[in-house]
Structures are given as C-alpha cells and as structure tokens.
Amino acid sequence: MGYGISGPAIKARSKKSGSIITLKYLPEIFGSFYATKKAVREIKILKALSEIETNVFTPKLLDIIVPVSGSDGPGDLEKVDGLFLVFEFVQTDLKKVLDKSSKIKFST
C-alpha cells in the first residue's frame, strides 16, 4: 500500500474474520527512547480515537501484534524489534482527503 512516516503499511486479509485489514509495521521501536515514546504516544492516540463511535476520520485500531523472533517464550521481549498495528481497511488516507477538499497542499 505504501510507506508512511513510521514504516510500511500493507493490505491483508484477516484469518479470523476474513475482512480486509491494514497492517502497519513500526520497525525498531525499542531502538531508542525517542522511538519507543513516539510509538506509545501513537498507540494511545489511536486507541482513544478508535473508542469514539462517531469518529469517521481515522481507521479503527483493531489489534497490536508483537512478533518475537527466536524467542524462548511469550515473555522474551528482549528480542522484539517492532510491532504491527492492525487497522480496519480504508480506501484513502488523510493526506489525499485534505488535498482534494482544501487549498492547503502537503508535501510528500
């Protein structure tokens, strides 16, 4: 689908529901204090927006996947290098909507 500020986003199909979803990968979020703080802030904001039933401006955050490679078990978080955020799929993004409906143009 594309590459955002935080990392790549891909379109996928949920094995649980069969619905189309978006997976956004946040790489190396534990590599620095700044990256970790930024990821936690983004997740808190997305979670809060997802809980607002009348919010039609941002996709709903459905899940957070913590991939642990070469792990000794689910508690082995030292080997976590990134997270996947699972969103409902939407056809467009905020930048495209604002570009079409506003005189303000954003650089890419």
C-alpha atoms as a PDB file:
ATOM      1  CA  MET A   1       0.000   0.000   0.000  1.00  0.00           C
ATOM      2  CA  GLY A   2       2.719   2.431   0.888  1.00  0.00           C
ATOM      3  CA  TYR A   3       5.294   3.708   3.271  1.00  0.00           C
ATOM      4  CA  GLY A   4       4.388   6.196   5.981  1.00  0.00           C
ATOM      5  CA  ILE A   5       6.362   8.208   8.492  1.00  0.00           C
ATOM      6  CA  SER A   6       6.699   5.265  10.865  1.00  0.00           C
ATOM      7  CA  GLY A   7       7.103   2.424   8.388  1.00  0.00           C
ATOM      8  CA  PRO A   8       5.384   0.352   5.699  1.00  0.00           C
ATOM      9  CA  ALA A   9       1.665  -0.364   5.542  1.00  0.00           C
ATOM     10  CA  ILE A  10       0.202  -3.326   3.674  1.00  0.00           C
ATOM     11  CA  LYS A  11      -3.277  -4.511   2.773  1.00  0.00           C
ATOM     12  CA  ALA A  12      -4.103  -8.008   4.063  1.00  0.00           C
ATOM     13  CA  ARG A  13      -6.981 -10.363   4.831  1.00  0.00           C
ATOM     14  CA  SER A  14      -7.749 -11.281   8.427  1.00  0.00           C
ATOM     15  CA  LYS A  15      -7.625 -15.025   9.104  1.00  0.00           C
ATOM     16  CA  LYS A  16     -10.105 -14.533  11.968  1.00  0.00           C
ATOM     17  CA  SER A  17     -12.839 -12.559  10.224  1.00  0.00           C
ATOM     18  CA  GLY A  18     -11.961 -12.753   6.530  1.00  0.00           C
ATOM     19  CA  SER A  19     -12.223  -8.965   6.282  1.00  0.00           C
ATOM     20  CA  ILE A  20      -9.675  -6.741   4.551  1.00  0.00           C
ATOM     21  CA  ILE A  21      -7.353  -5.011   7.042  1.00  0.00           C
ATOM     22  CA  THR A  22      -4.285  -2.802   7.014  1.00  0.00           C
ATOM     23  CA  LEU A  23      -1.085  -3.868   8.752  1.00  0.00           C
ATOM     24  CA  LYS A  24       1.233  -1.028   9.697  1.00  0.00           C
ATOM     25  CA  TYR A  25       4.723  -2.059  10.747  1.00  0.00           C
ATOM     26  CA  LEU A  26       6.578   0.057  13.302  1.00  0.00           C
ATOM     27  CA  PRO A  27      10.213  -1.128  12.975  1.00  0.00           C
ATOM     28  CA  GLU A  28      12.896  -0.829  15.636  1.00  0.00           C
ATOM     29  CA  ILE A  29      10.644   0.949  18.106  1.00  0.00           C
ATOM     30  CA  PHE A  30      12.737  -0.198  21.033  1.00  0.00           C
ATOM     31  CA  GLY A  31      15.991   1.006  19.470  1.00  0.00           C
ATOM     32  CA  SER A  32      15.851   4.386  21.168  1.00  0.00           C
ATOM     33  CA  PHE A  33      13.933   6.154  23.897  1.00  0.00           C
ATOM     34  CA  TYR A  34      12.514   8.600  21.322  1.00  0.00           C
ATOM     35  CA  ALA A  35      11.226   5.820  19.026  1.00  0.00           C
ATOM     36  CA  THR A  36       9.600   3.984  21.950  1.00  0.00           C
ATOM     37  CA  LYS A  37       7.985   7.150  23.277  1.00  0.00           C
ATOM     38  CA  LYS A  38       6.684   8.044  19.806  1.00  0.00           C
ATOM     39  CA  ALA A  39       5.180   4.564  19.303  1.00  0.00           C
ATOM     40  CA  VAL A  40       3.491   4.557  22.726  1.00  0.00           C
ATOM     41  CA  ARG A  41       2.054   8.026  22.053  1.00  0.00           C
ATOM     42  CA  GLU A  42       0.741   6.971  18.626  1.00  0.00           C
ATOM     43  CA  ILE A  43      -0.854   3.806  20.018  1.00  0.00           C
ATOM     44  CA  LYS A  44      -2.526   5.704  22.886  1.00  0.00           C
ATOM     45  CA  ILE A  45      -3.972   8.286  20.483  1.00  0.00           C
ATOM     46  CA  LEU A  46      -5.156   5.645  18.011  1.00  0.00           C
ATOM     47  CA  LYS A  47      -6.732   3.597  20.789  1.00  0.00           C
ATOM     48  CA  ALA A  48      -8.586   6.647  22.123  1.00  0.00           C
ATOM     49  CA  LEU A  49      -9.812   7.604  18.633  1.00  0.00           C
ATOM     50  CA  SER A  50     -10.906   4.010  17.958  1.00  0.00           C
ATOM     51  CA  GLU A  51     -13.134   4.062  21.034  1.00  0.00           C
ATOM     52  CA  ILE A  52     -15.114   7.061  19.749  1.00  0.00           C
ATOM     53  CA  GLU A  53     -18.070   5.546  17.897  1.00  0.00           C
ATOM     54  CA  THR A  54     -18.761   8.698  15.874  1.00  0.00           C
ATOM     55  CA  ASN A  55     -15.161   9.014  14.649  1.00  0.00           C
ATOM     56  CA  VAL A  56     -15.174   8.618  10.874  1.00  0.00           C
ATOM     57  CA  PHE A  57     -11.854  10.354  10.264  1.00  0.00           C
ATOM     58  CA  THR A  58      -9.365   7.699  11.339  1.00  0.00           C
ATOM     59  CA  PRO A  59      -9.393   3.934  10.837  1.00  0.00           C
ATOM     60  CA  LYS A  60     -10.116   1.833  13.912  1.00  0.00           C
ATOM     61  CA  LEU A  61      -7.145   0.196  15.625  1.00  0.00           C
ATOM     62  CA  LEU A  62      -8.197  -3.457  15.858  1.00  0.00           C
ATOM     63  CA  ASP A  63      -5.144  -5.151  17.364  1.00  0.00           C
ATOM     64  CA  ILE A  64      -1.430  -4.947  18.113  1.00  0.00           C
ATOM     65  CA  ILE A  65       0.811  -7.836  17.106  1.00  0.00           C
ATOM     66  CA  VAL A  66       4.165  -8.297  18.836  1.00  0.00           C
ATOM     67  CA  PRO A  67       6.363 -10.582  16.712  1.00  0.00           C
ATOM     68  CA  VAL A  68       9.098 -12.241  18.757  1.00  0.00           C
ATOM     69  CA  SER A  69      11.715 -13.937  16.581  1.00  0.00           C
ATOM     70  CA  GLY A  70      13.951 -16.631  18.050  1.00  0.00           C
ATOM     71  CA  SER A  71      12.070 -16.338  21.311  1.00  0.00           C
ATOM     72  CA  ASP A  72      12.221 -18.569  24.353  1.00  0.00           C
ATOM     73  CA  GLY A  73       8.557 -17.854  25.031  1.00  0.00           C
ATOM     74  CA  PRO A  74       5.940 -15.094  25.094  1.00  0.00           C
ATOM     75  CA  GLY A  75       7.740 -13.193  27.864  1.00  0.00           C
ATOM     76  CA  ASP A  76      11.005 -12.859  25.909  1.00  0.00           C
ATOM     77  CA  LEU A  77      10.526  -9.217  24.927  1.00  0.00           C
ATOM     78  CA  GLU A  78      14.258  -8.547  24.564  1.00  0.00           C
ATOM     79  CA  LYS A  79      14.025  -9.975  21.045  1.00  0.00           C
ATOM     80  CA  VAL A  80      11.151  -7.733  19.934  1.00  0.00           C
ATOM     81  CA  ASP A  81      12.298  -5.262  17.301  1.00  0.00           C
ATOM     82  CA  GLY A  82       8.989  -3.855  16.098  1.00  0.00           C
ATOM     83  CA  LEU A  83       5.198  -4.015  16.259  1.00  0.00           C
ATOM     84  CA  PHE A  84       2.368  -4.482  13.791  1.00  0.00           C
ATOM     85  CA  LEU A  85      -0.693  -2.287  14.231  1.00  0.00           C
ATOM     86  CA  VAL A  86      -3.841  -3.845  12.749  1.00  0.00           C
ATOM     87  CA  PHE A  87      -6.417  -1.385  11.383  1.00  0.00           C
ATOM     88  CA  GLU A  88      -9.694  -1.612   9.569  1.00  0.00           C
ATOM     89  CA  PHE A  89      -9.009  -1.026   5.870  1.00  0.00           C
ATOM     90  CA  VAL A  90      -9.929   2.327   4.340  1.00  0.00           C
ATOM     91  CA  GLN A  91      -9.646   3.270   0.670  1.00  0.00           C
ATOM     92  CA  THR A  92      -7.797   6.543   1.167  1.00  0.00           C
ATOM     93  CA  ASP A  93      -5.652   8.421   3.636  1.00  0.00           C
ATOM     94  CA  LEU A  94      -5.969  11.788   5.357  1.00  0.00           C
ATOM     95  CA  LYS A  95      -3.453  13.491   3.064  1.00  0.00           C
ATOM     96  CA  LYS A  96      -5.475  12.584  -0.055  1.00  0.00           C
ATOM     97  CA  VAL A  97      -8.725  13.745   1.538  1.00  0.00           C
ATOM     98  CA  LEU A  98      -7.217  17.076   2.581  1.00  0.00           C
ATOM     99  CA  ASP A  99      -5.578  17.598  -0.822  1.00  0.00           C
ATOM    100  CA  LYS A 100      -8.944  17.146  -2.575  1.00  0.00           C
ATOM    101  CA  SER A 101     -11.016  19.225  -0.179  1.00  0.00           C
ATOM    102  CA  SER A 102      -8.659  22.051   0.718  1.00  0.00           C
ATOM    103  CA  LYS A 103      -6.462  24.694  -0.811  1.00  0.00           C
ATOM    104  CA  ILE A 104      -3.705  23.553   1.556  1.00  0.00           C
ATOM    105  CA  LYS A 105      -1.254  21.195  -0.164  1.00  0.00           C
ATOM    106  CA  PHE A 106       1.069  18.867   1.712  1.00  0.00           C
ATOM    107  CA  SER A 107       4.489  17.823   0.538  1.00  0.00           C
ATOM    108  CA  THR A 108       5.265  14.124   0.240  1.00  0.00           C
END
